[in-house]
Amino acid sequence: MPEERKLRKSLGVFDVTAIVSGIIIGAGVFAITGFAAKYAGALTWVSYVIGAIPVTLAGISTVALNLFYPVEGGESYVYPTRLVSKFFGFLSGWGMWLAILGPVAITAFVFVLYTNMLPGLPFQFPIIGLALLVCAVFFFINWAGVKTASVIQNILFIIMVAGLAIYVVVGLFHINMDYVTMGSPGGWGGVMKGASMLIFAYGGLTLAADLGEEAKEPVAHTISLGIILGIIIPALLYASSAFVSTAVVPWDEFAASSAPYALVAEKMGIGGLVFIVIVAWAALLTSHNGEQAVASRIMFGLSRDKIITGKLTWINKHGIPGFALITTVLIAAFLIVFIALSGTLEVIADGIVTLFLYNWILTHIAVLMEPIKYPELYEKCRMHISRGWKAIIPIAGIIASVVVLPFLGWQALVFGAIIFGIGAVVYCIGYGRNRSEVDKLIGEWPRERYFKI
């Protein structure tokens, strides 16, 4: 009889925090901050603070769902399908899988941009070739098991946080007050546009709930604390580093650079440039590593209910969803080539935010549905924000997410509509082929055997 393989409970609070913060602090801060500065100018740091509002509300609702029932692929797919709707829940998981695939490609892409900023290089590294190499290296790291990946993640996480903190402190001694008072070229509309874009930089926060079956006991405590720390650490580093950056160089120069933080560091001397490139490496690689891990778990969750082929539930000998990881990395490789050839990095980043916002809206609705769909399980839960005055949290989260959407622009909304349109076709084909089995699997949740393959 073949050995039954399961996901392994090997992630502690620090591991989860490092994965979540590592996903968040990557391409967002080192590339998207420059895009946002085109609209928010010297007030980009304010855009980061505003952008944290819908993210924080989504984080609170995610904690509530995790305390309700921790499970792999939970926040992205399982909770929406069980608590809201099979169809809209599937679109949530589908959208989040592709929303994380985008940053997998973007982090590898931006890694090369910062590498090519190193002083004294005799040549420029080819963007596509080196980005694909980064993707391949971290594929093998993740294939070797979640504990191996988390050890590397923890090391890179420490380098990243310490490095950004040093960047902020050193930058304070190079501030030009004339740059600080330049304001926003687009007024408060520009600040809001910047905030909508910078949600991309916070996007991975709620994904800790997708590691529910690999977290150590008590699972709810481990995941919830990881999410809380995952809000605090990036928000502080984002706002402070954005303030310093647009105070050391004029916002328009910062916005025009393909590697904006390297431009600021260069003003601090050659040592500063080399230093920030190393920090960017750590941030981008922690993000890339964590995104590969989480994206494969989302696909793993999607395939469990047989809407997408069940082969993706195969787990390798290291306790990793192998086919899901392979699929994730192959599509990310395609996106690397597409972004490099099309020059659509900013448009894709904005489109990814629409996918995050849709998922967060479903997350808040799922919280409100807890006591209606599973009253007995809800009463046992230690966090109740679905009734009474506390329901203002998920309701405010829905409103905040909806308010931000128009600021992303029509191209981002069309991008999201196309992704969801493809997802709807995939759902209709998969559900139509396995209707009775899908209904049975989803209808049996929650169940203990959900944790087995």
Protein backbone atom coordinates (compact mmCIF):
# COMPACT_ATOMS: atom_id res chain seq x y z
CA MET A 1 0.00 0.00 0.00
CA PRO A 2 1.54 3.38 -0.99
CA GLU A 3 2.61 5.69 1.79
CA GLU A 4 0.03 8.38 2.56
CA ARG A 5 1.64 11.78 2.19
CA LYS A 6 0.43 14.84 4.04
CA LEU A 7 1.39 18.45 4.39
CA ARG A 8 3.82 18.87 7.30
CA LYS A 9 3.21 21.09 10.32
CA SER A 10 6.61 22.74 10.54
CA LEU A 11 5.97 26.51 10.48
CA GLY A 12 6.18 28.54 13.69
CA VAL A 13 5.13 32.17 14.30
CA PHE A 14 8.49 33.55 13.08
CA ASP A 15 8.34 31.33 9.98
CA VAL A 16 4.82 32.51 9.11
CA THR A 17 5.73 36.16 9.79
CA ALA A 18 8.84 35.84 7.59
CA ILE A 19 6.83 34.27 4.76
CA VAL A 20 4.05 36.88 4.96
CA SER A 21 6.30 39.92 5.39
CA GLY A 22 8.69 38.47 2.82
CA ILE A 23 5.88 38.21 0.27
CA ILE A 24 4.77 41.76 1.04
CA ILE A 25 8.16 43.52 1.11
CA GLY A 26 9.54 42.89 -2.34
CA ALA A 27 8.64 44.22 -5.75
CA GLY A 28 6.07 46.49 -4.11
CA VAL A 29 8.48 48.69 -2.21
CA PHE A 30 11.42 48.48 -4.63
CA ALA A 31 9.50 49.07 -7.88
CA ILE A 32 5.85 50.04 -7.38
CA THR A 33 6.77 52.87 -4.97
CA GLY A 34 8.32 54.66 -7.94
CA PHE A 35 5.14 54.21 -10.04
CA ALA A 36 3.01 55.61 -7.20
CA ALA A 37 5.33 58.61 -6.81
CA LYS A 38 4.33 59.77 -10.31
CA TYR A 39 0.89 60.54 -8.86
CA ALA A 40 1.47 61.11 -5.13
CA GLY A 41 4.87 62.85 -5.33
CA ALA A 42 6.41 63.71 -1.96
CA LEU A 43 3.24 62.41 -0.27
CA THR A 44 3.83 58.83 -1.38
CA TRP A 45 4.33 57.93 2.25
CA VAL A 46 0.76 59.16 2.93
CA SER A 47 -0.45 56.88 0.12
CA TYR A 48 1.18 53.97 1.95
CA VAL A 49 -0.67 54.88 5.15
CA ILE A 50 -4.02 55.14 3.34
CA GLY A 51 -3.37 51.91 1.43
CA ALA A 52 -2.86 50.13 4.74
CA ILE A 53 -6.49 50.76 5.78
CA PRO A 54 -8.28 48.23 3.51
CA VAL A 55 -5.36 45.85 4.02
CA THR A 56 -5.65 46.01 7.81
CA LEU A 57 -9.40 45.42 7.67
CA ALA A 58 -8.83 42.43 5.40
CA GLY A 59 -6.20 41.17 7.84
CA ILE A 60 -8.66 41.32 10.75
CA SER A 61 -11.30 39.40 8.80
CA THR A 62 -8.67 36.84 7.79
CA VAL A 63 -7.71 36.32 11.43
CA ALA A 64 -11.39 35.77 12.26
CA LEU A 65 -11.72 33.14 9.52
CA ASN A 66 -8.49 31.45 10.57
CA LEU A 67 -9.72 31.18 14.16
CA PHE A 68 -12.97 29.84 12.76
CA TYR A 69 -11.30 26.94 10.87
CA PRO A 70 -7.64 26.90 9.76
CA VAL A 71 -7.10 25.05 6.49
CA GLU A 72 -4.70 25.04 3.52
CA GLY A 73 -5.82 27.40 0.76
CA GLY A 74 -8.33 28.81 3.26
CA GLU A 75 -8.43 32.56 2.75
CA SER A 76 -8.11 32.45 -1.01
CA TYR A 77 -10.51 29.63 -1.87
CA VAL A 78 -11.91 27.42 0.89
CA TYR A 79 -13.64 30.06 3.01
CA PRO A 80 -15.31 31.84 0.04
CA THR A 81 -16.55 28.57 -1.52
CA ARG A 82 -17.96 27.22 1.75
CA LEU A 83 -19.31 30.43 3.23
CA VAL A 84 -20.31 32.53 0.20
CA SER A 85 -20.73 30.64 -3.11
CA LYS A 86 -19.04 27.85 -5.05
CA PHE A 87 -18.81 29.98 -8.20
CA PHE A 88 -17.67 33.27 -6.67
CA GLY A 89 -15.44 31.41 -4.23
CA PHE A 90 -13.72 29.61 -7.10
CA LEU A 91 -13.15 32.95 -8.85
CA SER A 92 -11.60 34.23 -5.63
CA GLY A 93 -9.12 31.35 -5.47
CA TRP A 94 -8.45 31.52 -9.22
CA GLY A 95 -7.84 35.27 -9.03
CA MET A 96 -5.55 34.99 -6.01
CA TRP A 97 -3.50 32.25 -7.64
CA LEU A 98 -2.88 34.48 -10.65
CA ALA A 99 -2.46 37.52 -8.38
CA ILE A 100 0.47 35.76 -6.70
CA LEU A 101 1.84 34.39 -9.97
CA GLY A 102 2.27 37.98 -11.17
CA PRO A 103 4.54 39.00 -8.28
CA VAL A 104 6.53 35.74 -8.70
CA ALA A 105 7.44 37.01 -12.15
CA ILE A 106 7.75 40.68 -11.16
CA THR A 107 10.13 40.03 -8.25
CA ALA A 108 12.47 38.04 -10.49
CA PHE A 109 12.25 40.80 -13.12
CA VAL A 110 12.99 43.64 -10.66
CA PHE A 111 15.82 41.59 -9.11
CA VAL A 112 17.69 41.90 -12.42
CA LEU A 113 16.99 45.65 -12.65
CA TYR A 114 18.63 46.22 -9.27
CA THR A 115 21.49 43.83 -10.04
CA ASN A 116 22.31 45.86 -13.13
CA MET A 117 22.59 49.00 -10.94
CA LEU A 118 25.73 47.64 -9.25
CA PRO A 119 28.69 49.96 -9.91
CA GLY A 120 31.57 48.69 -12.05
CA LEU A 121 29.70 45.92 -13.85
CA PRO A 122 31.51 45.11 -17.13
CA PHE A 123 28.17 44.22 -18.75
CA GLN A 124 24.43 44.26 -18.09
CA PHE A 125 22.82 40.95 -17.20
CA PRO A 126 20.08 39.83 -19.64
CA ILE A 127 16.77 40.44 -17.86
CA ILE A 128 14.91 37.38 -19.13
CA GLY A 129 17.79 34.92 -18.64
CA LEU A 130 18.69 35.93 -15.08
CA ALA A 131 15.04 36.28 -14.03
CA LEU A 132 14.29 32.74 -15.26
CA LEU A 133 17.36 31.47 -13.38
CA VAL A 134 16.07 33.05 -10.15
CA CYS A 135 12.70 31.36 -10.71
CA ALA A 136 14.38 27.99 -11.30
CA VAL A 137 16.64 28.20 -8.23
CA PHE A 138 13.74 28.91 -5.89
CA PHE A 139 11.66 26.20 -7.52
CA PHE A 140 14.22 23.63 -6.35
CA ILE A 141 14.39 25.25 -2.90
CA ASN A 142 10.62 25.00 -2.52
CA TRP A 143 10.60 21.48 -3.95
CA ALA A 144 12.92 20.39 -1.13
CA GLY A 145 10.26 21.11 1.49
CA VAL A 146 8.58 23.91 3.38
CA LYS A 147 11.11 23.79 6.24
CA THR A 148 14.05 24.22 3.86
CA ALA A 149 12.28 27.12 2.17
CA SER A 150 11.36 28.71 5.52
CA VAL A 151 14.96 28.59 6.84
CA ILE A 152 16.18 30.47 3.76
CA GLN A 153 13.17 32.80 4.07
CA ASN A 154 14.03 33.61 7.69
CA ILE A 155 17.64 34.51 6.86
CA LEU A 156 16.64 36.74 3.95
CA PHE A 157 13.87 38.29 6.07
CA ILE A 158 16.31 39.38 8.78
CA ILE A 159 18.67 40.91 6.20
CA MET A 160 15.76 42.70 4.53
CA VAL A 161 14.23 44.23 7.68
CA ALA A 162 17.58 45.28 9.14
CA GLY A 163 18.68 46.69 5.79
CA LEU A 164 15.57 48.80 5.24
CA ALA A 165 15.77 50.10 8.81
CA ILE A 166 19.39 51.18 8.23
CA TYR A 167 18.36 52.76 4.89
CA VAL A 168 15.75 54.87 6.72
CA VAL A 169 18.08 55.93 9.54
CA VAL A 170 20.95 56.87 7.21
CA GLY A 171 18.56 58.63 4.85
CA LEU A 172 17.36 60.93 7.64
CA PHE A 173 20.80 62.58 7.58
CA HIS A 174 20.46 63.37 3.86
CA ILE A 175 16.98 64.92 3.87
CA ASN A 176 16.36 68.11 1.86
CA MET A 177 13.37 69.98 3.29
CA ASP A 178 12.66 71.58 -0.09
CA TYR A 179 11.91 68.09 -1.44
CA VAL A 180 9.72 67.24 1.56
CA THR A 181 7.41 70.21 0.88
CA MET A 182 6.97 69.55 -2.86
CA GLY A 183 3.61 67.87 -2.23
CA SER A 184 1.61 65.76 -4.68
CA PRO A 185 1.41 66.66 -8.39
CA GLY A 186 -2.13 65.28 -8.54
CA GLY A 187 -3.37 66.68 -5.23
CA TRP A 188 -5.37 64.35 -3.02
CA GLY A 189 -6.63 62.55 -6.11
CA GLY A 190 -2.99 61.70 -6.85
CA VAL A 191 -2.50 60.50 -3.28
CA MET A 192 -5.53 58.21 -3.61
CA LYS A 193 -4.31 56.93 -6.98
CA GLY A 194 -0.96 56.19 -5.33
CA ALA A 195 -2.71 54.44 -2.46
CA SER A 196 -4.65 52.21 -4.86
CA MET A 197 -1.41 51.22 -6.62
CA LEU A 198 0.50 50.61 -3.39
CA ILE A 199 -2.04 48.04 -2.22
CA PHE A 200 0.03 45.81 -4.49
CA ALA A 201 2.84 46.20 -1.97
CA TYR A 202 0.60 44.90 0.85
CA GLY A 203 -1.13 42.22 -1.23
CA GLY A 204 0.32 39.10 0.36
CA LEU A 205 -0.79 39.91 3.90
CA THR A 206 -3.86 37.68 4.11
CA LEU A 207 -2.13 34.73 2.45
CA ALA A 208 -0.82 33.40 5.76
CA ALA A 209 -4.21 31.70 6.09
CA ASP A 210 -3.32 29.63 3.02
CA LEU A 211 -0.65 27.86 5.12
CA GLY A 212 -3.14 26.67 7.72
CA GLU A 213 -2.21 22.98 7.54
CA GLU A 214 1.56 23.57 7.69
CA ALA A 215 1.55 25.77 10.80
CA LYS A 216 2.50 24.37 14.19
CA GLU A 217 -0.06 23.97 16.94
CA PRO A 218 -1.89 25.94 18.10
CA VAL A 219 -2.52 26.69 14.42
CA ALA A 220 -4.94 29.58 14.96
CA HIS A 221 -2.47 31.37 17.25
CA THR A 222 0.47 30.81 14.89
CA ILE A 223 -1.32 32.08 11.77
CA SER A 224 -3.13 34.96 13.50
CA LEU A 225 0.01 36.33 15.13
CA GLY A 226 1.88 35.97 11.85
CA ILE A 227 -0.80 38.08 10.12
CA ILE A 228 -0.73 40.79 12.82
CA LEU A 229 3.06 41.10 12.66
CA GLY A 230 2.78 40.97 8.88
CA ILE A 231 0.74 44.20 9.00
CA ILE A 232 2.89 46.13 11.46
CA ILE A 233 6.38 45.46 10.08
CA PRO A 234 5.76 46.28 6.38
CA ALA A 235 3.56 49.32 7.13
CA LEU A 236 6.27 50.94 9.27
CA LEU A 237 9.04 50.17 6.78
CA TYR A 238 6.97 51.28 3.78
CA ALA A 239 5.85 54.65 5.10
CA SER A 240 9.22 55.57 6.60
CA SER A 241 11.28 54.48 3.59
CA ALA A 242 8.95 56.27 1.15
CA PHE A 243 9.20 59.47 3.21
CA VAL A 244 12.99 59.32 3.28
CA SER A 245 13.27 58.43 -0.41
CA THR A 246 11.29 61.42 -1.68
CA ALA A 247 13.09 63.66 0.81
CA VAL A 248 16.59 62.68 -0.34
CA VAL A 249 15.84 63.09 -4.07
CA PRO A 250 13.02 65.03 -5.79
CA TRP A 251 9.94 62.87 -6.29
CA ASP A 252 10.03 63.25 -10.08
CA GLU A 253 13.58 61.84 -10.29
CA PHE A 254 12.58 59.04 -7.93
CA ALA A 255 9.52 58.21 -10.05
CA ALA A 256 11.48 58.19 -13.30
CA SER A 257 14.00 55.55 -12.15
CA SER A 258 13.57 51.84 -12.93
CA ALA A 259 15.34 51.10 -9.61
CA PRO A 260 14.27 54.08 -7.46
CA TYR A 261 15.70 52.98 -4.11
CA ALA A 262 19.07 52.42 -5.77
CA LEU A 263 18.90 56.02 -7.06
CA VAL A 264 18.37 57.31 -3.52
CA ALA A 265 21.14 55.12 -2.11
CA GLU A 266 23.51 56.40 -4.79
CA LYS A 267 23.12 59.89 -3.30
CA MET A 268 24.57 58.41 -0.10
CA GLY A 269 27.71 57.24 -1.94
CA ILE A 270 28.88 54.07 -3.69
CA GLY A 271 28.71 52.12 -0.45
CA GLY A 272 25.08 53.11 -0.06
CA LEU A 273 24.26 51.90 -3.57
CA VAL A 274 25.89 48.49 -3.06
CA PHE A 275 24.19 48.22 0.33
CA ILE A 276 20.66 48.89 -0.97
CA VAL A 277 21.14 46.50 -3.90
CA ILE A 278 21.96 43.76 -1.38
CA VAL A 279 18.90 44.71 0.69
CA ALA A 280 16.78 44.72 -2.48
CA TRP A 281 18.09 41.25 -3.31
CA ALA A 282 17.04 40.00 0.13
CA ALA A 283 13.61 41.64 -0.12
CA LEU A 284 12.91 40.51 -3.67
CA LEU A 285 14.10 36.96 -3.04
CA THR A 286 12.11 36.57 0.20
CA SER A 287 9.09 37.79 -1.71
CA HIS A 288 9.75 35.46 -4.64
CA ASN A 289 10.38 32.47 -2.37
CA GLY A 290 7.23 33.03 -0.32
CA GLU A 291 5.11 33.69 -3.41
CA GLN A 292 6.16 30.42 -5.03
CA ALA A 293 5.27 28.59 -1.82
CA VAL A 294 1.87 30.23 -1.35
CA ALA A 295 0.82 30.22 -5.03
CA SER A 296 1.35 26.47 -5.21
CA ARG A 297 -0.77 26.01 -2.04
CA ILE A 298 -3.59 28.06 -3.57
CA MET A 299 -3.54 25.87 -6.68
CA PHE A 300 -3.39 22.82 -4.38
CA GLY A 301 -6.54 24.08 -2.62
CA LEU A 302 -8.31 24.73 -5.93
CA SER A 303 -7.66 21.19 -7.13
CA ARG A 304 -8.90 19.44 -4.00
CA ASP A 305 -12.54 19.83 -4.93
CA LYS A 306 -11.98 18.39 -8.44
CA ILE A 307 -13.11 21.55 -10.28
CA ILE A 308 -9.57 21.60 -11.62
CA THR A 309 -7.88 18.23 -12.21
CA GLY A 310 -7.22 16.32 -9.01
CA LYS A 311 -3.66 15.46 -10.13
CA LEU A 312 -2.58 18.80 -8.70
CA THR A 313 -3.20 17.39 -5.21
CA TRP A 314 -0.13 15.13 -5.55
CA ILE A 315 2.36 15.70 -2.73
CA ASN A 316 6.04 14.85 -3.19
CA LYS A 317 8.21 13.02 -0.65
CA HIS A 318 9.15 16.32 1.02
CA GLY A 319 5.51 17.14 1.79
CA ILE A 320 5.15 19.70 -1.04
CA PRO A 321 2.24 19.89 -3.54
CA GLY A 322 4.55 19.00 -6.44
CA PHE A 323 2.41 19.37 -9.57
CA ALA A 324 0.89 22.58 -8.23
CA LEU A 325 4.40 24.01 -7.73
CA ILE A 326 5.50 22.96 -11.23
CA THR A 327 2.41 24.55 -12.79
CA THR A 328 2.95 27.75 -10.80
CA VAL A 329 6.58 28.13 -11.84
CA LEU A 330 5.98 27.39 -15.53
CA ILE A 331 3.29 30.07 -15.81
CA ALA A 332 5.47 32.51 -13.85
CA ALA A 333 8.27 31.87 -16.37
CA PHE A 334 5.90 32.75 -19.20
CA LEU A 335 4.94 35.99 -17.41
CA ILE A 336 8.62 36.95 -16.99
CA VAL A 337 9.11 36.77 -20.75
CA PHE A 338 5.83 38.60 -21.41
CA ILE A 339 6.60 41.49 -19.02
CA ALA A 340 10.12 41.89 -20.41
CA LEU A 341 8.94 42.01 -24.02
CA SER A 342 5.74 44.03 -23.54
CA GLY A 343 6.83 46.60 -20.94
CA THR A 344 3.49 46.26 -19.11
CA LEU A 345 4.82 46.01 -15.54
CA GLU A 346 2.76 48.91 -14.17
CA VAL A 347 -0.49 47.79 -15.86
CA ILE A 348 -0.09 44.22 -14.62
CA ALA A 349 0.67 45.44 -11.08
CA ASP A 350 -2.52 47.53 -11.05
CA GLY A 351 -4.51 44.61 -12.48
CA ILE A 352 -3.23 42.36 -9.72
CA VAL A 353 -4.59 44.83 -7.14
CA THR A 354 -8.10 44.36 -8.58
CA LEU A 355 -7.75 40.62 -7.94
CA PHE A 356 -6.64 41.24 -4.35
CA LEU A 357 -9.55 43.62 -3.71
CA TYR A 358 -12.11 41.14 -5.08
CA ASN A 359 -10.71 38.46 -2.78
CA TRP A 360 -10.82 40.78 0.23
CA ILE A 361 -14.46 41.68 -0.48
CA LEU A 362 -15.28 37.94 -0.54
CA THR A 363 -13.28 37.48 2.68
CA HIS A 364 -15.38 40.10 4.49
CA ILE A 365 -18.62 38.61 3.17
CA ALA A 366 -17.45 35.17 4.33
CA VAL A 367 -16.96 36.55 7.86
CA LEU A 368 -20.52 37.92 7.86
CA MET A 369 -21.82 34.52 6.68
CA GLU A 370 -20.09 32.47 9.43
CA PRO A 371 -22.98 32.49 11.98
CA ILE A 372 -25.53 31.91 9.21
CA LYS A 373 -23.89 28.94 7.48
CA TYR A 374 -22.16 27.24 10.44
CA PRO A 375 -23.69 28.60 13.69
CA GLU A 376 -22.33 25.82 15.95
CA LEU A 377 -18.78 26.22 14.67
CA TYR A 378 -19.10 29.99 14.96
CA GLU A 379 -20.14 29.83 18.60
CA LYS A 380 -16.99 27.83 19.40
CA CYS A 381 -14.79 30.40 17.66
CA ARG A 382 -12.78 32.74 19.88
CA MET A 383 -13.28 35.81 17.67
CA HIS A 384 -16.76 37.10 16.84
CA ILE A 385 -16.93 40.06 14.43
CA SER A 386 -19.94 38.94 12.40
CA ARG A 387 -22.68 40.31 14.67
CA GLY A 388 -23.49 43.47 16.60
CA TRP A 389 -21.32 46.56 16.46
CA LYS A 390 -18.21 44.51 15.62
CA ALA A 391 -19.72 43.72 12.21
CA ILE A 392 -18.64 47.24 11.26
CA ILE A 393 -15.16 45.76 10.64
CA PRO A 394 -16.05 43.49 7.69
CA ILE A 395 -18.63 46.02 6.44
CA ALA A 396 -16.03 48.82 6.50
CA GLY A 397 -13.63 46.45 4.75
CA ILE A 398 -16.07 45.90 1.91
CA ILE A 399 -16.67 49.65 1.55
CA ALA A 400 -12.94 50.49 1.64
CA SER A 401 -12.14 47.90 -1.02
CA VAL A 402 -14.94 49.09 -3.32
CA VAL A 403 -13.93 52.76 -2.91
CA VAL A 404 -10.35 52.04 -4.00
CA LEU A 405 -11.26 50.15 -7.21
CA PRO A 406 -12.08 53.15 -9.46
CA PHE A 407 -8.72 54.80 -8.71
CA LEU A 408 -6.91 51.90 -10.41
CA GLY A 409 -8.17 52.97 -13.84
CA TRP A 410 -9.99 51.20 -16.65
CA GLN A 411 -7.02 49.13 -17.82
CA ALA A 412 -6.66 47.45 -14.42
CA LEU A 413 -10.41 46.78 -14.24
CA VAL A 414 -10.40 45.27 -17.73
CA PHE A 415 -7.40 43.10 -16.74
CA GLY A 416 -9.34 41.80 -13.75
CA ALA A 417 -12.46 41.19 -15.85
CA ILE A 418 -10.46 39.11 -18.35
CA ILE A 419 -8.89 37.01 -15.58
CA PHE A 420 -12.27 36.38 -13.97
CA GLY A 421 -13.83 35.65 -17.36
CA ILE A 422 -11.25 32.92 -18.00
CA GLY A 423 -11.82 31.61 -14.48
CA ALA A 424 -15.57 31.46 -15.09
CA VAL A 425 -15.01 29.31 -18.19
CA VAL A 426 -12.65 26.99 -16.26
CA TYR A 427 -15.23 26.69 -13.46
CA CYS A 428 -18.13 25.93 -15.80
CA ILE A 429 -16.15 23.22 -17.62
CA GLY A 430 -14.77 21.65 -14.43
CA TYR A 431 -17.99 21.86 -12.44
CA GLY A 432 -20.09 20.63 -15.36
CA ARG A 433 -17.81 17.58 -15.74
CA ASN A 434 -17.73 16.65 -12.02
CA ARG A 435 -20.89 18.29 -10.64
CA SER A 436 -21.93 15.57 -8.19
CA GLU A 437 -18.41 14.99 -6.86
CA VAL A 438 -17.74 18.71 -6.46
CA ASP A 439 -21.02 19.23 -4.61
CA LYS A 440 -20.24 16.27 -2.35
CA LEU A 441 -16.71 17.45 -1.51
CA ILE A 442 -17.74 21.04 -0.82
CA GLY A 443 -20.87 19.99 1.06
CA GLU A 444 -18.91 17.77 3.47
CA TRP A 445 -16.83 20.65 4.80
CA PRO A 446 -15.81 21.16 7.56
CA ARG A 447 -14.48 17.67 8.07
CA GLU A 448 -11.42 16.13 9.63
CA ARG A 449 -10.55 14.14 6.52
CA TYR A 450 -10.22 17.44 4.60
CA PHE A 451 -6.67 17.43 5.90
CA LYS A 452 -5.87 14.21 4.03
CA ILE A 453 -5.31 13.62 0.35
